[in-house]
Each structure stands twice: as structure tokens, then as C-alpha cells.
Amino acid sequence: MYKIAVLPGDGIGAEIVPEAVKALKAIASRFGHEFQFTEALVGGAAYDVKGHPLPDETLELCQQSDAVLLGAIGGPKWDNLPVELRPEVGALLPLRKELALFANLRPCMLFPGLLHASTLKEEVITGVDFLVIRELTGGLYFGEKSREKTADGGQKATDMLTYSTYEIERIVRFAYQAAQKRRKKLCSVDKANVIETSRLWRETVTDLSKEYPDVETTHMYVDNCSMQLIRNPRQFDVIVTENTFGDILTDEASMLTGSIGMLPSASIGGEVGLYEPSHGSAPDIAGQKKANPLATILSAAMMLRFSFDLEEEARVIEQAVTEVLEAGYRTPDLMEEGKKLLNTVQMGDMVADKILGLR
């Protein structure tokens, strides 16, 4: 039996997570597995009820589970709270720290049925398939922060960007091992011409590359990488980078797939992995059944692969998504002329039925 902590969170999280659970239940039925789902509050929804975005009982549940399925957190409603109580800072960052989730994996693969959904030309995105590995527990997001008054009556804010050799080696080794299982190409992204932490990053990668002679290692400045993702994304296999750069680049990469609603993610490192879509809580469409649940469903597939070592089951979910898209079914974010519009629940039903072989 696999124990899964279910954290719908805020906004569309409450709509997309049930569809991923639906897919996992279909897998359980088809393959004879038993998944135990336990739901808990997190984010703004938790603050409204418990007074904190990450209640002790939620953290304890996550620590005692085999994996965590997270929807989305945050929204304008909680933007004016003290920084430490904002959902993104008070829930997501502590979750990553307490669960030792130092590696964020975001695969960027274009499903054939979505070739025309991207804003980029067909010849640019055909065959896109790469993995971004982002360091998740260091850098600006976790560095010391301060704010002080200046003599002119204004303010000065400071965020410390810090990385140690150990932190860099840990994530880069992980990336090399991932590259060895793919096309054996690793691109390390930094800003070593300007930033001292990036210089340490590049030096560390260069040293480690000698231990992985079977992997082709390249280095790229982050501004050039952002351009190359649009110019020639097929050149990439595995990209490894620090926290802030990875956050920005993966959102850009999501457009290669047609919609950020197609980009799953896995955060791993400790004994418990956390799986969530790469997009936010989208409060503007919450409650309207317009949200695309496929990124969350694909995140559930990553859970099967990385936390439970159920490769065949993961592939079944991915194949179900492929078949649904090739059959012309779309949520509003992917809609184009001649396709069949589905709402959030209908899309989840369609994928679950494909898993069970009912359609």
C-alpha cells in the first residue's frame, strides 16, 4: 500500500488534484495496487482555517507519507499578509526544506497532438524533449533577507545569493545521473561572467564533468539559454541550474509544450517526493472548471516513476494523455479550431477511462 498526502491548496488546486487522484485510482484498479489518499490543508486555505499556511498536522502527514500530491497555492487574497505567512513563503519553501527536496525535475516534452498549440513554428518545436533540473533549497529564495531605511527617506532591500560546493555538487551529480539515462548531454546554466556564485557553480561542474566522461558537458549563460529555448530547443537534453534561473527558465519552457497546463514537476531528494504542476493557482478561473488538469495528472505519473518505481504504470498514464490529445480533446487553454472542448472534470474522466481501456 502506498500512502499519498493530498494537498489541493488554493484556486484551481481544488479542481485539478481530484482529477490526478482519479487517474491514480484507475491505475490502482488496472494493476491491483492500493493507494491510501489522505487530504490536508495547505497554503491560503490553511491560513484561513488554521492561521498558518503550513499547519503542523499537514507537515506531519507529509513526513509520514510515501509521496505528496500538491495542487497550487497562493493568490491575491493573501498577498498582504506578513511575508512569513504568505502561502508561497510560509508553506512551499518550508515543505521543500523539511522534506529535503533539493532537486526539482520539470520535463518539457511536446505531445504530438499539441504541435499546433504552441505559439512557435512547427519546425522549431517538433521533437522537443528535455529535462530541466533545478536546485531547490538554496540561492536567493532561501538566503538572508533584510530591509533598512536610507538617508533620503527611502528603503534598501537585500537578498543574499549563496551556494556552497556541497549544494552544487549534490544537484549536479543528480543531473549527470539523469543525463546518463537519457541522451547523455548536460547543459549547465549560470551567469559566471557576472555573479560569483555562478563562477563557483561553473568551476564545480567543470571538476565533476571529469567523473562523467560518457556525458557531453556544455555551459551556457542564463540569458543565452532563455534565447536558445526559443531559437533551438531541440539542442537540449538535460539542463541543470540554480534556483532562481530554473524557476524562470521552466516557465518559459512551458510555452514550448503549448501551455503551462501541460508541464508537470517532481521535487525529490529525501525519502518523500512532492509532485505538483508547474503552474500557479490561477484564481481568475478558479471554480469555473476551465483549468487544465493534465499537468497534475502527468505529475502523478512522475510520482509512480520516481517514488514508487512503477515505470509501466507511469507510462500508461502518459500514453492515456497522449491518446486523449491525439483524439482532439482540449481544455480551454489548448483549444483550437476543429477540436473538442472539455472542462476540467471531463478531461479527467477521459484520461481515467483511457487508463482503464474503456475508450
Protein backbone atom coordinates (compact mmCIF):
# COMPACT_ATOMS: atom_id res chain seq x y z
CA MET A 1 0.00 0.00 0.00
CA TYR A 2 1.27 3.45 -0.91
CA LYS A 3 0.38 6.38 1.33
CA ILE A 4 -0.21 9.63 -0.54
CA ALA A 5 -0.73 13.00 1.14
CA VAL A 6 -3.16 15.04 -0.94
CA LEU A 7 -2.85 18.83 -0.66
CA PRO A 8 -5.26 20.60 -3.06
CA GLY A 9 -4.27 24.05 -1.83
CA ASP A 10 -5.78 27.19 -3.35
CA GLY A 11 -7.51 28.38 -6.51
CA ILE A 12 -7.70 25.72 -9.20
CA GLY A 13 -5.77 23.31 -6.96
CA ALA A 14 -9.07 22.06 -5.57
CA GLU A 15 -10.21 21.25 -9.13
CA ILE A 16 -7.13 19.67 -10.69
CA VAL A 17 -5.95 17.46 -7.84
CA PRO A 18 -9.12 15.30 -7.82
CA GLU A 19 -8.52 14.54 -11.49
CA ALA A 20 -5.00 13.28 -10.74
CA VAL A 21 -6.40 11.19 -7.89
CA LYS A 22 -8.94 9.82 -10.37
CA ALA A 23 -6.10 8.75 -12.67
CA LEU A 24 -4.23 7.09 -9.81
CA LYS A 25 -7.37 5.22 -8.77
CA ALA A 26 -7.71 3.98 -12.34
CA ILE A 27 -4.11 2.75 -12.19
CA ALA A 28 -4.82 1.01 -8.88
CA SER A 29 -7.82 -0.72 -10.41
CA ARG A 30 -5.95 -1.81 -13.55
CA PHE A 31 -2.78 -3.04 -11.84
CA GLY A 32 -4.08 -4.20 -8.47
CA HIS A 33 -2.34 -1.57 -6.35
CA GLU A 34 -3.66 0.08 -3.19
CA PHE A 35 -3.26 3.82 -2.74
CA GLN A 36 -4.26 5.43 0.53
CA PHE A 37 -5.16 9.10 -0.02
CA THR A 38 -5.23 11.47 2.96
CA GLU A 39 -6.19 15.09 2.33
CA ALA A 40 -4.94 18.10 4.30
CA LEU A 41 -4.97 21.89 4.18
CA VAL A 42 -2.06 23.94 2.85
CA GLY A 43 -1.48 27.48 1.58
CA GLY A 44 -4.07 30.21 1.84
CA ALA A 45 -6.80 27.66 2.53
CA ALA A 46 -4.86 26.51 5.59
CA TYR A 47 -4.21 30.07 6.75
CA ASP A 48 -7.93 30.86 6.61
CA VAL A 49 -8.76 27.91 8.87
CA LYS A 50 -5.63 27.36 10.96
CA GLY A 51 -3.91 30.74 10.91
CA HIS A 52 -0.79 29.36 9.19
CA PRO A 53 -0.18 28.22 5.59
CA LEU A 54 1.58 25.04 6.73
CA PRO A 55 -0.10 23.63 9.84
CA ASP A 56 1.88 21.18 11.94
CA GLU A 57 -0.56 18.37 11.15
CA THR A 58 -0.09 18.90 7.41
CA LEU A 59 3.69 18.74 7.66
CA GLU A 60 3.45 15.66 9.87
CA LEU A 61 1.16 13.96 7.35
CA CYS A 62 3.63 14.67 4.54
CA GLN A 63 6.54 13.31 6.56
CA GLN A 64 4.63 10.10 7.30
CA SER A 65 3.52 9.55 3.69
CA ASP A 66 5.29 7.89 0.78
CA ALA A 67 4.63 10.85 -1.54
CA VAL A 68 2.83 14.19 -1.65
CA LEU A 69 0.44 15.36 -4.38
CA LEU A 70 0.14 19.15 -4.32
CA GLY A 71 -2.21 21.32 -6.35
CA ALA A 72 -1.35 25.03 -6.21
CA ILE A 73 -1.05 27.65 -3.51
CA GLY A 74 -1.35 31.40 -3.13
CA GLY A 75 -3.42 34.16 -4.65
CA PRO A 76 -4.19 37.89 -4.32
CA LYS A 77 -6.32 37.26 -1.24
CA TRP A 78 -3.20 36.56 0.83
CA ASP A 79 -0.71 38.94 -0.80
CA ASN A 80 -0.87 41.49 2.02
CA LEU A 81 -0.06 39.07 4.81
CA PRO A 82 3.31 39.29 6.57
CA VAL A 83 5.94 37.66 4.36
CA GLU A 84 6.35 34.61 6.58
CA LEU A 85 2.60 33.89 6.38
CA ARG A 86 2.18 34.23 2.63
CA PRO A 87 1.37 30.79 1.18
CA GLU A 88 4.37 30.64 -1.16
CA VAL A 89 6.86 31.58 1.56
CA GLY A 90 5.18 30.09 4.62
CA ALA A 91 4.17 26.77 3.06
CA LEU A 92 6.04 25.87 -0.11
CA LEU A 93 9.56 26.80 0.98
CA PRO A 94 9.30 25.10 4.40
CA LEU A 95 7.87 21.98 2.75
CA ARG A 96 10.89 21.79 0.45
CA LYS A 97 13.26 22.32 3.37
CA GLU A 98 11.62 19.91 5.83
CA LEU A 99 11.28 17.14 3.23
CA ALA A 100 14.86 17.74 1.95
CA LEU A 101 13.62 18.33 -1.59
CA PHE A 102 16.77 19.68 -3.21
CA ALA A 103 16.05 18.62 -6.81
CA ASN A 104 13.16 19.85 -8.93
CA LEU A 105 12.55 17.95 -12.16
CA ARG A 106 10.50 19.54 -14.92
CA PRO A 107 10.29 17.53 -18.14
CA CYS A 108 9.45 19.52 -21.25
CA MET A 109 8.06 17.21 -23.90
CA LEU A 110 5.81 18.19 -26.77
CA PHE A 111 2.90 15.80 -27.18
CA PRO A 112 2.34 15.17 -30.91
CA GLY A 113 -1.30 16.20 -30.66
CA LEU A 114 -0.28 19.67 -29.48
CA LEU A 115 2.06 20.51 -32.33
CA HIS A 116 -0.11 23.46 -33.35
CA ALA A 117 -0.93 24.64 -29.82
CA SER A 118 2.42 26.33 -29.28
CA THR A 119 2.97 29.88 -30.49
CA LEU A 120 6.29 28.77 -32.01
CA LYS A 121 6.77 27.41 -35.52
CA GLU A 122 6.26 23.71 -36.09
CA GLU A 123 9.80 23.20 -37.38
CA VAL A 124 11.20 24.71 -34.16
CA ILE A 125 9.33 22.60 -31.63
CA THR A 126 8.86 19.25 -33.38
CA GLY A 127 10.62 16.60 -31.31
CA VAL A 128 11.26 18.77 -28.25
CA ASP A 129 12.09 16.54 -25.28
CA PHE A 130 14.34 17.78 -22.48
CA LEU A 131 14.51 17.81 -18.70
CA VAL A 132 15.25 20.83 -16.52
CA ILE A 133 16.77 20.01 -13.13
CA ARG A 134 16.59 22.97 -10.78
CA GLU A 135 18.35 23.28 -7.43
CA LEU A 136 15.53 23.85 -4.99
CA THR A 137 16.75 24.63 -1.48
CA GLY A 138 19.45 27.27 -1.95
CA GLY A 139 20.06 30.59 -3.67
CA LEU A 140 18.06 33.79 -3.37
CA TYR A 141 14.85 32.16 -2.21
CA PHE A 142 16.47 30.76 0.93
CA GLY A 143 19.14 33.42 1.51
CA GLU A 144 19.12 36.02 4.25
CA LYS A 145 16.83 38.97 3.59
CA SER A 146 16.86 42.45 5.03
CA ARG A 147 15.39 45.90 4.55
CA GLU A 148 16.60 49.18 6.00
CA LYS A 149 15.83 52.87 5.70
CA THR A 150 18.12 55.09 3.66
CA ALA A 151 19.20 58.67 4.35
CA ASP A 152 16.93 60.01 1.61
CA GLY A 153 13.85 58.56 3.30
CA GLY A 154 13.59 55.53 1.03
CA GLN A 155 14.46 51.93 1.69
CA LYS A 156 17.15 49.45 0.69
CA ALA A 157 16.30 45.76 0.36
CA THR A 158 18.86 42.95 0.25
CA ASP A 159 18.56 39.28 -0.70
CA MET A 160 21.62 37.08 -0.20
CA LEU A 161 22.52 34.68 -3.01
CA THR A 162 24.61 31.89 -1.50
CA TYR A 163 25.71 28.47 -2.73
CA SER A 164 28.25 26.02 -1.30
CA THR A 165 30.30 23.48 -3.19
CA TYR A 166 28.32 20.73 -1.47
CA GLU A 167 24.96 22.10 -2.65
CA ILE A 168 26.19 22.44 -6.21
CA GLU A 169 27.83 19.01 -6.31
CA ARG A 170 24.67 17.37 -4.97
CA ILE A 171 22.36 18.71 -7.67
CA VAL A 172 24.90 18.40 -10.49
CA ARG A 173 25.63 14.74 -9.70
CA PHE A 174 21.90 14.13 -9.76
CA ALA A 175 21.72 15.82 -13.18
CA TYR A 176 24.62 13.78 -14.57
CA GLN A 177 22.93 10.57 -13.47
CA ALA A 178 19.73 11.67 -15.17
CA ALA A 179 21.64 12.52 -18.36
CA GLN A 180 23.23 9.07 -18.38
CA LYS A 181 19.73 7.58 -18.63
CA ARG A 182 18.75 9.89 -21.49
CA ARG A 183 20.79 11.17 -24.46
CA LYS A 184 23.94 11.84 -22.41
CA LYS A 185 24.03 15.61 -22.87
CA LEU A 186 24.19 18.04 -19.94
CA CYS A 187 23.96 21.82 -20.22
CA SER A 188 24.83 23.73 -17.05
CA VAL A 189 23.27 27.20 -16.96
CA ASP A 190 24.80 30.04 -14.93
CA LYS A 191 25.83 33.71 -15.12
CA ALA A 192 29.53 33.18 -14.46
CA ASN A 193 30.57 36.33 -16.30
CA VAL A 194 28.91 38.47 -13.59
CA ILE A 195 27.92 36.52 -10.45
CA GLU A 196 30.41 34.96 -8.03
CA THR A 197 28.12 32.06 -7.06
CA SER A 198 27.85 31.27 -10.76
CA ARG A 199 31.63 31.19 -11.04
CA LEU A 200 31.75 28.64 -8.24
CA TRP A 201 28.91 26.77 -9.95
CA ARG A 202 30.81 26.57 -13.26
CA GLU A 203 34.07 25.55 -11.60
CA THR A 204 32.28 22.79 -9.71
CA VAL A 205 30.54 21.47 -12.81
CA THR A 206 33.83 21.52 -14.72
CA ASP A 207 35.51 19.47 -12.00
CA LEU A 208 32.64 16.95 -11.80
CA SER A 209 32.48 16.53 -15.57
CA LYS A 210 35.72 14.51 -15.37
CA GLU A 211 33.82 11.83 -13.44
CA TYR A 212 31.22 11.50 -16.20
CA PRO A 213 33.20 11.18 -19.45
CA ASP A 214 30.25 9.49 -21.16
CA VAL A 215 28.18 12.69 -20.85
CA GLU A 216 28.76 15.68 -23.11
CA THR A 217 29.00 18.75 -20.86
CA THR A 218 28.35 22.30 -22.02
CA HIS A 219 27.98 25.62 -20.19
CA MET A 220 25.60 28.43 -21.09
CA TYR A 221 24.81 31.84 -19.65
CA VAL A 222 21.21 32.10 -18.47
CA ASP A 223 20.34 34.97 -20.81
CA ASN A 224 21.62 33.00 -23.80
CA CYS A 225 19.77 29.91 -22.60
CA SER A 226 16.50 31.84 -22.47
CA MET A 227 17.06 32.79 -26.11
CA GLN A 228 18.13 29.28 -27.18
CA LEU A 229 14.99 27.75 -25.65
CA ILE A 230 13.03 29.70 -28.25
CA ARG A 231 15.57 29.57 -31.08
CA ASN A 232 16.54 25.88 -30.97
CA PRO A 233 15.04 23.94 -28.05
CA ARG A 234 15.89 20.56 -29.59
CA GLN A 235 19.56 21.09 -28.73
CA PHE A 236 18.84 20.40 -25.05
CA ASP A 237 18.67 17.06 -23.27
CA VAL A 238 19.25 17.82 -19.56
CA ILE A 239 19.58 21.37 -18.23
CA VAL A 240 20.84 21.88 -14.68
CA THR A 241 20.75 25.26 -12.98
CA GLU A 242 20.29 27.14 -9.72
CA ASN A 243 17.03 28.00 -8.04
CA THR A 244 16.04 31.39 -9.47
CA PHE A 245 17.26 30.70 -13.01
CA GLY A 246 15.42 27.38 -13.01
CA ASP A 247 12.19 28.97 -11.87
CA ILE A 248 12.24 31.44 -14.76
CA LEU A 249 13.50 29.11 -17.49
CA THR A 250 10.95 26.39 -16.79
CA ASP A 251 8.05 28.82 -17.12
CA GLU A 252 9.48 29.87 -20.47
CA ALA A 253 9.94 26.25 -21.49
CA SER A 254 6.30 25.51 -20.73
CA MET A 255 5.28 27.51 -23.79
CA LEU A 256 7.08 25.01 -25.99
CA THR A 257 4.52 22.41 -24.92
CA GLY A 258 1.54 24.57 -25.85
CA SER A 259 0.52 25.58 -22.34
CA ILE A 260 1.92 25.75 -18.83
CA GLY A 261 -1.01 23.49 -18.05
CA MET A 262 0.99 20.68 -19.65
CA LEU A 263 4.12 20.95 -17.50
CA PRO A 264 4.39 18.52 -14.56
CA SER A 265 7.10 18.57 -11.91
CA ALA A 266 8.68 16.41 -9.25
CA SER A 267 10.62 17.63 -6.21
CA ILE A 268 12.76 14.90 -4.72
CA GLY A 269 15.85 14.35 -2.62
CA GLY A 270 14.68 12.97 0.70
CA GLU A 271 12.53 9.93 1.44
CA VAL A 272 9.27 11.67 0.46
CA GLY A 273 8.82 13.17 -3.01
CA LEU A 274 6.47 16.06 -3.77
CA TYR A 275 4.61 16.21 -7.09
CA GLU A 276 2.81 19.24 -8.44
CA PRO A 277 2.01 21.03 -11.70
CA SER A 278 4.38 23.84 -12.62
CA HIS A 279 1.62 26.43 -12.89
CA GLY A 280 0.07 28.57 -10.18
CA SER A 281 -3.34 28.75 -8.54
CA ALA A 282 -4.95 30.77 -11.38
CA PRO A 283 -7.59 32.46 -9.17
CA ASP A 284 -9.10 34.18 -12.23
CA ILE A 285 -10.53 30.86 -13.48
CA ALA A 286 -10.97 29.05 -10.15
CA GLY A 287 -14.34 27.38 -9.73
CA GLN A 288 -15.18 27.56 -13.44
CA LYS A 289 -13.97 24.08 -14.47
CA LYS A 290 -11.70 25.67 -17.08
CA ALA A 291 -8.40 24.53 -15.58
CA ASN A 292 -6.25 22.03 -17.44
CA PRO A 293 -5.65 19.01 -15.14
CA LEU A 294 -3.12 17.31 -17.42
CA ALA A 295 0.00 18.76 -15.75
CA THR A 296 -1.25 17.43 -12.42
CA ILE A 297 -2.13 14.05 -13.93
CA LEU A 298 1.33 13.88 -15.51
CA SER A 299 2.83 14.81 -12.13
CA ALA A 300 1.02 11.77 -10.72
CA ALA A 301 2.78 9.71 -13.41
CA MET A 302 6.10 11.11 -12.18
CA MET A 303 5.12 10.03 -8.66
CA LEU A 304 4.62 6.47 -9.86
CA ARG A 305 8.01 6.54 -11.58
CA PHE A 306 10.22 8.26 -9.01
CA SER A 307 8.61 7.48 -5.64
CA PHE A 308 7.10 4.04 -6.25
CA ASP A 309 9.32 2.68 -9.06
CA LEU A 310 6.23 1.82 -11.11
CA GLU A 311 7.55 2.58 -14.59
CA GLU A 312 4.90 0.70 -16.59
CA GLU A 313 2.10 2.38 -14.67
CA ALA A 314 3.66 5.80 -15.26
CA ARG A 315 3.86 5.11 -18.98
CA VAL A 316 0.21 4.05 -19.05
CA ILE A 317 -0.84 7.46 -17.70
CA GLU A 318 1.39 9.27 -20.20
CA GLN A 319 0.04 7.15 -23.05
CA ALA A 320 -3.53 7.87 -21.94
CA VAL A 321 -2.83 11.61 -22.07
CA THR A 322 -1.24 11.19 -25.50
CA GLU A 323 -4.26 9.34 -26.85
CA VAL A 324 -6.75 11.86 -25.46
CA LEU A 325 -4.88 14.75 -27.06
CA GLU A 326 -4.43 12.94 -30.39
CA ALA A 327 -8.17 12.29 -30.39
CA GLY A 328 -8.65 16.06 -30.43
CA TYR A 329 -9.87 16.71 -26.89
CA ARG A 330 -8.83 20.02 -25.33
CA THR A 331 -9.32 22.20 -22.28
CA PRO A 332 -9.76 25.95 -22.93
CA ASP A 333 -6.03 26.79 -22.66
CA LEU A 334 -5.29 24.40 -25.54
CA MET A 335 -8.38 24.98 -27.62
CA GLU A 336 -8.04 25.48 -31.36
CA GLU A 337 -10.40 25.31 -34.29
CA GLY A 338 -11.76 21.87 -35.03
CA LYS A 339 -11.03 20.39 -31.59
CA LYS A 340 -13.43 19.14 -28.92
CA LEU A 341 -13.72 21.29 -25.81
CA LEU A 342 -13.79 19.58 -22.41
CA ASN A 343 -13.99 21.03 -18.91
CA THR A 344 -11.67 20.00 -16.08
CA VAL A 345 -13.75 17.06 -14.88
CA GLN A 346 -14.48 15.78 -18.36
CA MET A 347 -10.78 15.77 -19.22
CA GLY A 348 -10.02 13.84 -16.05
CA ASP A 349 -12.76 11.33 -16.86
CA MET A 350 -11.43 10.90 -20.38
CA VAL A 351 -7.89 10.13 -19.17
CA ALA A 352 -9.13 7.75 -16.47
CA ASP A 353 -11.25 5.88 -19.00
CA LYS A 354 -8.26 5.57 -21.33
CA ILE A 355 -6.23 4.10 -18.47
CA LEU A 356 -8.95 1.55 -17.83
CA GLY A 357 -9.32 0.82 -21.54
CA LEU A 358 -12.93 1.99 -21.61
CA ARG A 359 -12.48 4.40 -24.57
